[in-house]
Amino acid sequence: MPLLSRITDEDAHRRRWELLALSSVGAFMGPLDGSIVSVALPAMSPSLHLSFGAAMWVQAAYLLAMAVLLIPLGRLADQHGRVRYYLIGTAVFTVGSIAFQFAIGLGLALYFTRRFPLSGLLRAMLLLPWLLPLIVSSAIWRWMYDKDYGVVNALLKLIPGVDAGVPWLTQGNWALVAIIIANIWIGIPFNMVLLHGGLQSISEDIYEAAKLDGAGAWQRFRYMTWPLLKPVTLVVLMLGLVYTIKVFDVIMGLTGGGPANQTQTLTTWSYQYSFQLFKFGPGAAVSNLLIIIATVVGLLYLRSLRRSGDAR
């Protein structure tokens, strides 16, 4: 029996949209990378039109991946050491930011599920870091991190035994910690608002029944709140990952990628190539690495949604 006849109309419709999304990604890559993808996609389209089966899907994904991946790797062939270094820096910045943004945002969201006076005003005030322009936030943090006159070092010197200030922006390891802390502060409100909305959608009757059964606070969170919050959690983590990978204003406003490129990420590296060194080819190649990462994250997210839908 042909493969096409074994798939349902719903599967065929879903595959059409998946192929359309894949083609859109390729069309977006075209202006960045020249003509390879724009030539490959029309050549692929007749074979894709014949069948939406697994074989054609694998063929399309393979050809597009080769067209997209070979260009950045070819243009950055002599920069493999830097690519690895900046990938690690981007990973540390992204994971460190997302982990603390999510944890603190979830804690605040759980806290604000309680009703107390001025809770709405406090939630509104906590949105301020997210509402400020990023360049303004980076300027504020740059002043706070000043070694001699900054608020952060002034508070640290109040601790017994601490006499000298920390060189937050002039020493590599401290500079990376500094931009992570600033980015965490900026991203907490976003996580809090989305997670708080997810918590509000959980019925209070479930918690009341759990209390009657003798479930404690930790048991209610582990076996009720966390599983029911999973769809919102996936959205928050995916959006947080995409937003954090492309952070530019905060890094450029605080350190400019320095000192000695130790706070450089793929985003700032692409900017450096394109608009400081005027090497637009390698700059576009670095940008493609970011697009590939975002595409992989999106596919993993869609896969998780499909699994959760099948489980239901």
C-alpha atoms as a PDB file:
ATOM      1  CA  MET A   1       0.000   0.000   0.000  1.00  0.00           C
ATOM      2  CA  PRO A   2       1.455   3.435  -0.875  1.00  0.00           C
ATOM      3  CA  LEU A   3       2.642   5.507   2.021  1.00  0.00           C
ATOM      4  CA  LEU A   4       0.382   8.444   1.136  1.00  0.00           C
ATOM      5  CA  SER A   5      -2.731   6.311   1.420  1.00  0.00           C
ATOM      6  CA  ARG A   6      -1.841   5.237   4.941  1.00  0.00           C
ATOM      7  CA  ILE A   7      -1.763   8.708   6.441  1.00  0.00           C
ATOM      8  CA  THR A   8      -4.938  10.481   7.441  1.00  0.00           C
ATOM      9  CA  ASP A   9      -6.188  13.776   6.109  1.00  0.00           C
ATOM     10  CA  GLU A  10      -5.259  15.386   9.410  1.00  0.00           C
ATOM     11  CA  ASP A  11      -1.682  14.138   9.148  1.00  0.00           C
ATOM     12  CA  ALA A  12      -1.426  15.376   5.582  1.00  0.00           C
ATOM     13  CA  HIS A  13      -2.730  18.785   6.590  1.00  0.00           C
ATOM     14  CA  ARG A  14      -0.225  18.985   9.439  1.00  0.00           C
ATOM     15  CA  ARG A  15       2.639  17.987   7.161  1.00  0.00           C
ATOM     16  CA  ARG A  16       1.668  20.650   4.647  1.00  0.00           C
ATOM     17  CA  TRP A  17       1.954  23.304   7.336  1.00  0.00           C
ATOM     18  CA  GLU A  18       5.249  21.838   8.546  1.00  0.00           C
ATOM     19  CA  LEU A  19       6.662  21.957   5.028  1.00  0.00           C
ATOM     20  CA  LEU A  20       5.380  25.497   4.609  1.00  0.00           C
ATOM     21  CA  ALA A  21       7.139  26.512   7.837  1.00  0.00           C
ATOM     22  CA  LEU A  22      10.322  24.808   6.685  1.00  0.00           C
ATOM     23  CA  SER A  23      10.167  26.600   3.350  1.00  0.00           C
ATOM     24  CA  SER A  24       9.643  29.898   5.162  1.00  0.00           C
ATOM     25  CA  VAL A  25      12.807  29.307   7.164  1.00  0.00           C
ATOM     26  CA  GLY A  26      14.672  28.657   3.945  1.00  0.00           C
ATOM     27  CA  ALA A  27      13.275  31.808   2.360  1.00  0.00           C
ATOM     28  CA  PHE A  28      14.446  33.766   5.389  1.00  0.00           C
ATOM     29  CA  MET A  29      17.932  32.284   5.074  1.00  0.00           C
ATOM     30  CA  GLY A  30      18.191  33.279   1.422  1.00  0.00           C
ATOM     31  CA  PRO A  31      18.857  37.010   1.819  1.00  0.00           C
ATOM     32  CA  LEU A  32      21.479  36.244   4.459  1.00  0.00           C
ATOM     33  CA  ASP A  33      23.395  33.596   2.614  1.00  0.00           C
ATOM     34  CA  GLY A  34      23.142  34.377  -1.049  1.00  0.00           C
ATOM     35  CA  SER A  35      21.403  32.196  -3.565  1.00  0.00           C
ATOM     36  CA  ILE A  36      21.998  28.624  -2.383  1.00  0.00           C
ATOM     37  CA  VAL A  37      18.806  28.230  -0.368  1.00  0.00           C
ATOM     38  CA  SER A  38      16.717  30.286  -2.779  1.00  0.00           C
ATOM     39  CA  VAL A  39      17.839  28.009  -5.605  1.00  0.00           C
ATOM     40  CA  ALA A  40      17.521  24.793  -3.616  1.00  0.00           C
ATOM     41  CA  LEU A  41      13.957  25.354  -2.458  1.00  0.00           C
ATOM     42  CA  PRO A  42      12.345  25.764  -5.906  1.00  0.00           C
ATOM     43  CA  ALA A  43      14.250  22.686  -7.093  1.00  0.00           C
ATOM     44  CA  MET A  44      12.942  20.779  -4.122  1.00  0.00           C
ATOM     45  CA  SER A  45       9.335  21.922  -4.488  1.00  0.00           C
ATOM     46  CA  PRO A  46       8.252  19.497  -7.273  1.00  0.00           C
ATOM     47  CA  SER A  47       9.351  16.453  -5.302  1.00  0.00           C
ATOM     48  CA  LEU A  48       7.762  17.860  -2.151  1.00  0.00           C
ATOM     49  CA  HIS A  49       4.503  18.368  -4.008  1.00  0.00           C
ATOM     50  CA  LEU A  50       4.322  14.704  -5.036  1.00  0.00           C
ATOM     51  CA  SER A  51       4.079  13.251  -1.563  1.00  0.00           C
ATOM     52  CA  PHE A  52       3.882  14.327   2.018  1.00  0.00           C
ATOM     53  CA  GLY A  53       5.245  10.987   3.212  1.00  0.00           C
ATOM     54  CA  ALA A  54       8.169  10.370   5.461  1.00  0.00           C
ATOM     55  CA  ALA A  55      10.662   9.925   2.630  1.00  0.00           C
ATOM     56  CA  MET A  56       9.987  13.342   1.134  1.00  0.00           C
ATOM     57  CA  TRP A  57      10.023  14.945   4.570  1.00  0.00           C
ATOM     58  CA  VAL A  58      13.431  13.481   5.326  1.00  0.00           C
ATOM     59  CA  GLN A  59      14.733  14.517   1.905  1.00  0.00           C
ATOM     60  CA  ALA A  60      13.532  18.105   2.306  1.00  0.00           C
ATOM     61  CA  ALA A  61      14.921  18.417   5.820  1.00  0.00           C
ATOM     62  CA  TYR A  62      18.265  16.968   4.747  1.00  0.00           C
ATOM     63  CA  LEU A  63      18.689  19.255   1.724  1.00  0.00           C
ATOM     64  CA  LEU A  64      17.664  22.361   3.651  1.00  0.00           C
ATOM     65  CA  ALA A  65      19.918  21.505   6.581  1.00  0.00           C
ATOM     66  CA  MET A  66      22.876  20.982   4.260  1.00  0.00           C
ATOM     67  CA  ALA A  67      22.199  24.245   2.430  1.00  0.00           C
ATOM     68  CA  VAL A  68      21.912  26.206   5.663  1.00  0.00           C
ATOM     69  CA  LEU A  69      24.687  24.568   7.650  1.00  0.00           C
ATOM     70  CA  LEU A  70      27.406  24.446   5.019  1.00  0.00           C
ATOM     71  CA  ILE A  71      27.420  28.190   4.504  1.00  0.00           C
ATOM     72  CA  PRO A  72      28.183  29.209   8.113  1.00  0.00           C
ATOM     73  CA  LEU A  73      30.705  26.404   8.518  1.00  0.00           C
ATOM     74  CA  GLY A  74      32.450  27.329   5.265  1.00  0.00           C
ATOM     75  CA  ARG A  75      32.697  31.014   6.071  1.00  0.00           C
ATOM     76  CA  LEU A  76      33.837  30.341   9.627  1.00  0.00           C
ATOM     77  CA  ALA A  77      36.214  27.502   8.774  1.00  0.00           C
ATOM     78  CA  ASP A  78      39.226  29.475   9.970  1.00  0.00           C
ATOM     79  CA  GLN A  79      37.435  30.621  13.125  1.00  0.00           C
ATOM     80  CA  HIS A  80      36.571  27.248  14.685  1.00  0.00           C
ATOM     81  CA  GLY A  81      38.338  28.175  17.922  1.00  0.00           C
ATOM     82  CA  ARG A  82      36.370  31.388  18.252  1.00  0.00           C
ATOM     83  CA  VAL A  83      33.119  29.675  17.295  1.00  0.00           C
ATOM     84  CA  ARG A  84      33.582  27.149  20.077  1.00  0.00           C
ATOM     85  CA  TYR A  85      34.577  29.843  22.574  1.00  0.00           C
ATOM     86  CA  TYR A  86      31.637  32.107  21.770  1.00  0.00           C
ATOM     87  CA  LEU A  87      29.215  29.183  21.693  1.00  0.00           C
ATOM     88  CA  ILE A  88      30.294  28.295  25.222  1.00  0.00           C
ATOM     89  CA  GLY A  89      29.961  31.934  26.294  1.00  0.00           C
ATOM     90  CA  THR A  90      26.503  32.145  24.728  1.00  0.00           C
ATOM     91  CA  ALA A  91      25.472  28.880  26.431  1.00  0.00           C
ATOM     92  CA  VAL A  92      26.687  30.037  29.853  1.00  0.00           C
ATOM     93  CA  PHE A  93      24.939  33.403  29.470  1.00  0.00           C
ATOM     94  CA  THR A  94      21.715  31.812  28.222  1.00  0.00           C
ATOM     95  CA  VAL A  95      21.472  28.950  30.724  1.00  0.00           C
ATOM     96  CA  GLY A  96      22.473  31.140  33.668  1.00  0.00           C
ATOM     97  CA  SER A  97      19.934  33.794  32.747  1.00  0.00           C
ATOM     98  CA  ILE A  98      17.031  31.455  32.030  1.00  0.00           C
ATOM     99  CA  ALA A  99      17.543  29.275  35.100  1.00  0.00           C
ATOM    100  CA  PHE A 100      17.404  32.166  37.561  1.00  0.00           C
ATOM    101  CA  GLN A 101      14.769  34.119  35.647  1.00  0.00           C
ATOM    102  CA  PHE A 102      12.461  31.114  35.684  1.00  0.00           C
ATOM    103  CA  ALA A 103      13.146  30.114  39.300  1.00  0.00           C
ATOM    104  CA  ILE A 104      12.675  33.614  40.694  1.00  0.00           C
ATOM    105  CA  GLY A 105       9.720  34.304  38.400  1.00  0.00           C
ATOM    106  CA  LEU A 106       8.025  31.090  39.511  1.00  0.00           C
ATOM    107  CA  GLY A 107       8.632  31.926  43.169  1.00  0.00           C
ATOM    108  CA  LEU A 108       7.105  35.391  42.735  1.00  0.00           C
ATOM    109  CA  ALA A 109       4.174  33.970  40.761  1.00  0.00           C
ATOM    110  CA  LEU A 110       3.447  31.499  43.553  1.00  0.00           C
ATOM    111  CA  TYR A 111       3.756  34.261  46.114  1.00  0.00           C
ATOM    112  CA  PHE A 112       1.308  36.537  44.314  1.00  0.00           C
ATOM    113  CA  THR A 113      -1.337  33.823  44.105  1.00  0.00           C
ATOM    114  CA  ARG A 114      -2.065  34.822  47.690  1.00  0.00           C
ATOM    115  CA  ARG A 115      -4.399  37.737  48.151  1.00  0.00           C
ATOM    116  CA  PHE A 116      -3.081  40.521  50.345  1.00  0.00           C
ATOM    117  CA  PRO A 117      -3.325  44.331  50.362  1.00  0.00           C
ATOM    118  CA  LEU A 118      -1.451  46.136  47.576  1.00  0.00           C
ATOM    119  CA  SER A 119      -0.604  42.871  45.789  1.00  0.00           C
ATOM    120  CA  GLY A 120      -1.727  44.352  42.478  1.00  0.00           C
ATOM    121  CA  LEU A 121       0.427  47.444  42.993  1.00  0.00           C
ATOM    122  CA  LEU A 122       3.474  45.337  43.831  1.00  0.00           C
ATOM    123  CA  ARG A 123       2.966  43.213  40.704  1.00  0.00           C
ATOM    124  CA  ALA A 124       2.735  46.359  38.609  1.00  0.00           C
ATOM    125  CA  MET A 125       5.951  47.729  40.138  1.00  0.00           C
ATOM    126  CA  LEU A 126       7.766  44.465  39.418  1.00  0.00           C
ATOM    127  CA  LEU A 127       6.965  44.956  35.729  1.00  0.00           C
ATOM    128  CA  LEU A 128       9.192  48.032  35.607  1.00  0.00           C
ATOM    129  CA  PRO A 129      12.410  46.193  34.574  1.00  0.00           C
ATOM    130  CA  TRP A 130      10.578  44.639  31.618  1.00  0.00           C
ATOM    131  CA  LEU A 131       9.018  47.938  30.535  1.00  0.00           C
ATOM    132  CA  LEU A 132      12.222  49.977  30.558  1.00  0.00           C
ATOM    133  CA  PRO A 133      14.158  50.201  27.283  1.00  0.00           C
ATOM    134  CA  LEU A 134      17.069  47.786  27.404  1.00  0.00           C
ATOM    135  CA  ILE A 135      19.646  50.479  26.731  1.00  0.00           C
ATOM    136  CA  VAL A 136      18.297  52.427  29.730  1.00  0.00           C
ATOM    137  CA  SER A 137      18.493  49.331  31.914  1.00  0.00           C
ATOM    138  CA  SER A 138      22.069  48.686  30.830  1.00  0.00           C
ATOM    139  CA  ALA A 139      23.013  52.307  31.625  1.00  0.00           C
ATOM    140  CA  ILE A 140      21.524  51.962  35.111  1.00  0.00           C
ATOM    141  CA  TRP A 141      23.392  48.738  35.761  1.00  0.00           C
ATOM    142  CA  ARG A 142      26.614  50.213  34.404  1.00  0.00           C
ATOM    143  CA  TRP A 143      26.392  52.965  36.977  1.00  0.00           C
ATOM    144  CA  MET A 144      25.553  50.468  39.726  1.00  0.00           C
ATOM    145  CA  TYR A 145      28.556  48.288  38.786  1.00  0.00           C
ATOM    146  CA  ASP A 146      31.058  51.144  38.917  1.00  0.00           C
ATOM    147  CA  LYS A 147      34.056  49.950  40.938  1.00  0.00           C
ATOM    148  CA  ASP A 148      34.544  53.150  42.917  1.00  0.00           C
ATOM    149  CA  TYR A 149      31.130  54.812  43.082  1.00  0.00           C
ATOM    150  CA  GLY A 150      28.664  52.020  42.256  1.00  0.00           C
ATOM    151  CA  VAL A 151      25.846  50.981  44.565  1.00  0.00           C
ATOM    152  CA  VAL A 152      26.700  47.275  44.301  1.00  0.00           C
ATOM    153  CA  ASN A 153      30.251  47.688  45.590  1.00  0.00           C
ATOM    154  CA  ALA A 154      29.058  50.130  48.248  1.00  0.00           C
ATOM    155  CA  LEU A 155      26.715  47.454  49.582  1.00  0.00           C
ATOM    156  CA  LEU A 156      29.407  44.785  49.397  1.00  0.00           C
ATOM    157  CA  LYS A 157      31.781  46.947  51.443  1.00  0.00           C
ATOM    158  CA  LEU A 158      29.238  46.915  54.265  1.00  0.00           C
ATOM    159  CA  ILE A 159      29.989  43.212  54.714  1.00  0.00           C
ATOM    160  CA  PRO A 160      32.668  42.669  57.381  1.00  0.00           C
ATOM    161  CA  GLY A 161      36.003  41.721  55.805  1.00  0.00           C
ATOM    162  CA  VAL A 162      35.220  43.194  52.369  1.00  0.00           C
ATOM    163  CA  ASP A 163      37.390  46.268  51.802  1.00  0.00           C
ATOM    164  CA  ALA A 164      37.931  46.460  48.035  1.00  0.00           C
ATOM    165  CA  GLY A 165      35.271  46.720  45.369  1.00  0.00           C
ATOM    166  CA  VAL A 166      34.738  44.064  42.717  1.00  0.00           C
ATOM    167  CA  PRO A 167      35.874  44.971  39.171  1.00  0.00           C
ATOM    168  CA  TRP A 168      32.518  43.996  37.700  1.00  0.00           C
ATOM    169  CA  LEU A 169      33.048  45.368  34.194  1.00  0.00           C
ATOM    170  CA  THR A 170      36.822  45.230  33.810  1.00  0.00           C
ATOM    171  CA  GLN A 171      37.594  41.604  34.652  1.00  0.00           C
ATOM    172  CA  GLY A 172      36.400  38.838  32.364  1.00  0.00           C
ATOM    173  CA  ASN A 173      34.755  36.405  34.781  1.00  0.00           C
ATOM    174  CA  TRP A 174      33.135  39.167  36.820  1.00  0.00           C
ATOM    175  CA  ALA A 175      31.948  40.909  33.656  1.00  0.00           C
ATOM    176  CA  LEU A 176      30.131  37.763  32.517  1.00  0.00           C
ATOM    177  CA  VAL A 177      28.503  37.437  35.930  1.00  0.00           C
ATOM    178  CA  ALA A 178      27.533  41.119  35.779  1.00  0.00           C
ATOM    179  CA  ILE A 179      25.698  40.887  32.455  1.00  0.00           C
ATOM    180  CA  ILE A 180      23.952  37.675  33.568  1.00  0.00           C
ATOM    181  CA  ILE A 181      22.696  39.375  36.748  1.00  0.00           C
ATOM    182  CA  ALA A 182      21.461  42.382  34.771  1.00  0.00           C
ATOM    183  CA  ASN A 183      19.688  40.153  32.253  1.00  0.00           C
ATOM    184  CA  ILE A 184      18.099  38.130  35.059  1.00  0.00           C
ATOM    185  CA  TRP A 185      16.714  41.327  36.556  1.00  0.00           C
ATOM    186  CA  ILE A 186      15.253  42.327  33.194  1.00  0.00           C
ATOM    187  CA  GLY A 187      13.656  38.933  32.477  1.00  0.00           C
ATOM    188  CA  ILE A 188      12.078  38.129  35.844  1.00  0.00           C
ATOM    189  CA  PRO A 189       8.837  40.122  35.215  1.00  0.00           C
ATOM    190  CA  PHE A 190       8.211  38.321  31.916  1.00  0.00           C
ATOM    191  CA  ASN A 191       8.484  34.919  33.593  1.00  0.00           C
ATOM    192  CA  MET A 192       6.420  36.034  36.568  1.00  0.00           C
ATOM    193  CA  VAL A 193       3.510  37.358  34.494  1.00  0.00           C
ATOM    194  CA  LEU A 194       3.202  34.283  32.273  1.00  0.00           C
ATOM    195  CA  LEU A 195       3.570  31.821  35.138  1.00  0.00           C
ATOM    196  CA  HIS A 196       1.141  33.781  37.294  1.00  0.00           C
ATOM    197  CA  GLY A 197      -1.408  33.617  34.481  1.00  0.00           C
ATOM    198  CA  GLY A 198      -0.881  29.858  34.267  1.00  0.00           C
ATOM    199  CA  LEU A 199      -1.379  29.473  38.012  1.00  0.00           C
ATOM    200  CA  GLN A 200      -4.595  31.475  37.868  1.00  0.00           C
ATOM    201  CA  SER A 201      -6.010  28.987  35.363  1.00  0.00           C
ATOM    202  CA  ILE A 202      -5.695  26.106  37.860  1.00  0.00           C
ATOM    203  CA  SER A 203      -8.946  25.540  39.727  1.00  0.00           C
ATOM    204  CA  GLU A 204      -8.949  26.101  43.488  1.00  0.00           C
ATOM    205  CA  ASP A 205     -11.229  23.069  43.900  1.00  0.00           C
ATOM    206  CA  ILE A 206      -8.285  20.795  43.086  1.00  0.00           C
ATOM    207  CA  TYR A 207      -6.244  22.254  45.927  1.00  0.00           C
ATOM    208  CA  GLU A 208      -9.153  22.076  48.331  1.00  0.00           C
ATOM    209  CA  ALA A 209      -9.607  18.386  47.553  1.00  0.00           C
ATOM    210  CA  ALA A 210      -5.886  17.785  48.027  1.00  0.00           C
ATOM    211  CA  LYS A 211      -5.937  19.533  51.404  1.00  0.00           C
ATOM    212  CA  LEU A 212      -8.819  17.344  52.521  1.00  0.00           C
ATOM    213  CA  ASP A 213      -6.740  14.302  51.552  1.00  0.00           C
ATOM    214  CA  GLY A 214      -3.892  15.549  53.735  1.00  0.00           C
ATOM    215  CA  ALA A 215      -1.505  16.735  51.009  1.00  0.00           C
ATOM    216  CA  GLY A 216       1.084  19.234  52.186  1.00  0.00           C
ATOM    217  CA  ALA A 217       2.279  22.344  50.364  1.00  0.00           C
ATOM    218  CA  TRP A 218       5.206  20.570  48.684  1.00  0.00           C
ATOM    219  CA  GLN A 219       3.041  17.610  47.637  1.00  0.00           C
ATOM    220  CA  ARG A 220       0.437  19.932  46.152  1.00  0.00           C
ATOM    221  CA  PHE A 221       3.126  21.761  44.183  1.00  0.00           C
ATOM    222  CA  ARG A 222       4.915  18.622  42.999  1.00  0.00           C
ATOM    223  CA  TYR A 223       1.937  16.490  42.027  1.00  0.00           C
ATOM    224  CA  MET A 224      -0.639  19.133  41.077  1.00  0.00           C
ATOM    225  CA  THR A 225       0.760  22.579  40.358  1.00  0.00           C
ATOM    226  CA  TRP A 226       3.857  21.547  38.417  1.00  0.00           C
ATOM    227  CA  PRO A 227       2.156  19.027  36.054  1.00  0.00           C
ATOM    228  CA  LEU A 228      -0.743  21.409  35.359  1.00  0.00           C
ATOM    229  CA  LEU A 229       1.693  24.261  34.758  1.00  0.00           C
ATOM    230  CA  LYS A 230       3.793  22.287  32.286  1.00  0.00           C
ATOM    231  CA  PRO A 231       2.279  23.751  29.060  1.00  0.00           C
ATOM    232  CA  VAL A 232       2.883  27.304  30.291  1.00  0.00           C
ATOM    233  CA  THR A 233       6.352  26.319  31.489  1.00  0.00           C
ATOM    234  CA  LEU A 234       7.288  25.079  28.019  1.00  0.00           C
ATOM    235  CA  VAL A 235       6.149  28.350  26.453  1.00  0.00           C
ATOM    236  CA  VAL A 236       8.040  30.437  29.035  1.00  0.00           C
ATOM    237  CA  LEU A 237      11.259  28.458  28.625  1.00  0.00           C
ATOM    238  CA  MET A 238      11.107  28.465  24.832  1.00  0.00           C
ATOM    239  CA  LEU A 239      10.424  32.195  24.584  1.00  0.00           C
ATOM    240  CA  GLY A 240      13.008  32.886  27.265  1.00  0.00           C
ATOM    241  CA  LEU A 241      15.589  30.894  25.344  1.00  0.00           C
ATOM    242  CA  VAL A 242      14.896  32.714  22.092  1.00  0.00           C
ATOM    243  CA  TYR A 243      14.903  36.130  23.770  1.00  0.00           C
ATOM    244  CA  THR A 244      18.086  35.442  25.732  1.00  0.00           C
ATOM    245  CA  ILE A 245      20.066  34.075  22.792  1.00  0.00           C
ATOM    246  CA  LYS A 246      19.457  37.284  20.849  1.00  0.00           C
ATOM    247  CA  VAL A 247      20.216  39.700  23.727  1.00  0.00           C
ATOM    248  CA  PHE A 248      22.300  42.531  22.351  1.00  0.00           C
ATOM    249  CA  ASP A 249      21.517  45.847  24.056  1.00  0.00           C
ATOM    250  CA  VAL A 250      22.422  44.735  27.568  1.00  0.00           C
ATOM    251  CA  ILE A 251      25.800  43.307  26.599  1.00  0.00           C
ATOM    252  CA  MET A 252      26.769  46.229  24.376  1.00  0.00           C
ATOM    253  CA  GLY A 253      25.588  48.765  26.947  1.00  0.00           C
ATOM    254  CA  LEU A 254      27.513  47.165  29.824  1.00  0.00           C
ATOM    255  CA  THR A 255      30.706  45.717  28.386  1.00  0.00           C
ATOM    256  CA  GLY A 256      30.574  46.017  24.590  1.00  0.00           C
ATOM    257  CA  GLY A 257      31.631  42.364  24.463  1.00  0.00           C
ATOM    258  CA  GLY A 258      34.771  43.043  26.499  1.00  0.00           C
ATOM    259  CA  PRO A 259      37.027  42.971  28.293  1.00  0.00           C
ATOM    260  CA  ALA A 260      39.136  41.153  25.697  1.00  0.00           C
ATOM    261  CA  ASN A 261      35.985  39.624  24.116  1.00  0.00           C
ATOM    262  CA  GLN A 262      35.258  37.618  27.277  1.00  0.00           C
ATOM    263  CA  THR A 263      31.589  38.619  27.325  1.00  0.00           C
ATOM    264  CA  GLN A 264      31.148  38.205  23.590  1.00  0.00           C
ATOM    265  CA  THR A 265      28.169  36.120  22.460  1.00  0.00           C
ATOM    266  CA  LEU A 266      27.106  35.051  19.001  1.00  0.00           C
ATOM    267  CA  THR A 267      24.856  38.103  18.731  1.00  0.00           C
ATOM    268  CA  THR A 268      27.550  40.635  19.572  1.00  0.00           C
ATOM    269  CA  TRP A 269      30.083  38.699  17.492  1.00  0.00           C
ATOM    270  CA  SER A 270      27.802  38.962  14.465  1.00  0.00           C
ATOM    271  CA  TYR A 271      27.473  42.701  15.077  1.00  0.00           C
ATOM    272  CA  GLN A 272      31.243  43.045  15.395  1.00  0.00           C
ATOM    273  CA  TYR A 273      31.817  41.245  12.113  1.00  0.00           C
ATOM    274  CA  SER A 274      29.116  43.078  10.184  1.00  0.00           C
ATOM    275  CA  PHE A 275      29.190  46.653  11.478  1.00  0.00           C
ATOM    276  CA  GLN A 276      32.651  47.125  12.967  1.00  0.00           C
ATOM    277  CA  LEU A 277      34.862  45.011  10.711  1.00  0.00           C
ATOM    278  CA  PHE A 278      32.419  45.255   7.754  1.00  0.00           C
ATOM    279  CA  LYS A 279      32.762  41.539   6.987  1.00  0.00           C
ATOM    280  CA  PHE A 280      29.158  40.902   6.137  1.00  0.00           C
ATOM    281  CA  GLY A 281      29.632  37.309   4.977  1.00  0.00           C
ATOM    282  CA  PRO A 282      30.999  35.947   8.284  1.00  0.00           C
ATOM    283  CA  GLY A 283      28.550  38.199  10.149  1.00  0.00           C
ATOM    284  CA  ALA A 284      25.620  36.621   8.308  1.00  0.00           C
ATOM    285  CA  ALA A 285      27.116  33.180   8.950  1.00  0.00           C
ATOM    286  CA  VAL A 286      27.192  33.817  12.698  1.00  0.00           C
ATOM    287  CA  SER A 287      23.592  35.036  12.499  1.00  0.00           C
ATOM    288  CA  ASN A 288      22.665  31.770  10.812  1.00  0.00           C
ATOM    289  CA  LEU A 289      24.018  29.846  13.773  1.00  0.00           C
ATOM    290  CA  LEU A 290      21.554  31.742  15.945  1.00  0.00           C
ATOM    291  CA  ILE A 291      18.727  30.963  13.521  1.00  0.00           C
ATOM    292  CA  ILE A 292      19.630  27.269  13.531  1.00  0.00           C
ATOM    293  CA  ILE A 293      19.583  27.192  17.333  1.00  0.00           C
ATOM    294  CA  ALA A 294      16.205  28.953  17.435  1.00  0.00           C
ATOM    295  CA  THR A 295      14.816  26.563  14.810  1.00  0.00           C
ATOM    296  CA  VAL A 296      15.967  23.515  16.781  1.00  0.00           C
ATOM    297  CA  VAL A 297      14.368  24.919  19.930  1.00  0.00           C
ATOM    298  CA  GLY A 298      11.111  25.537  18.072  1.00  0.00           C
ATOM    299  CA  LEU A 299      11.060  21.997  16.670  1.00  0.00           C
ATOM    300  CA  LEU A 300      11.707  20.528  20.116  1.00  0.00           C
ATOM    301  CA  TYR A 301       8.880  22.640  21.485  1.00  0.00           C
ATOM    302  CA  LEU A 302       6.470  21.471  18.786  1.00  0.00           C
ATOM    303  CA  ARG A 303       7.507  17.878  19.440  1.00  0.00           C
ATOM    304  CA  SER A 304       6.825  18.258  23.154  1.00  0.00           C
ATOM    305  CA  LEU A 305       3.414  19.752  22.411  1.00  0.00           C
ATOM    306  CA  ARG A 306       2.606  16.859  20.092  1.00  0.00           C
ATOM    307  CA  ARG A 307       3.601  14.350  22.764  1.00  0.00           C
ATOM    308  CA  SER A 308       1.502  16.056  25.405  1.00  0.00           C
ATOM    309  CA  GLY A 309      -1.426  16.130  22.978  1.00  0.00           C
ATOM    310  CA  ASP A 310      -1.047  12.423  22.239  1.00  0.00           C
ATOM    311  CA  ALA A 311      -0.871  11.694  25.960  1.00  0.00           C
ATOM    312  CA  ARG A 312      -4.236  13.359  26.427  1.00  0.00           C
END
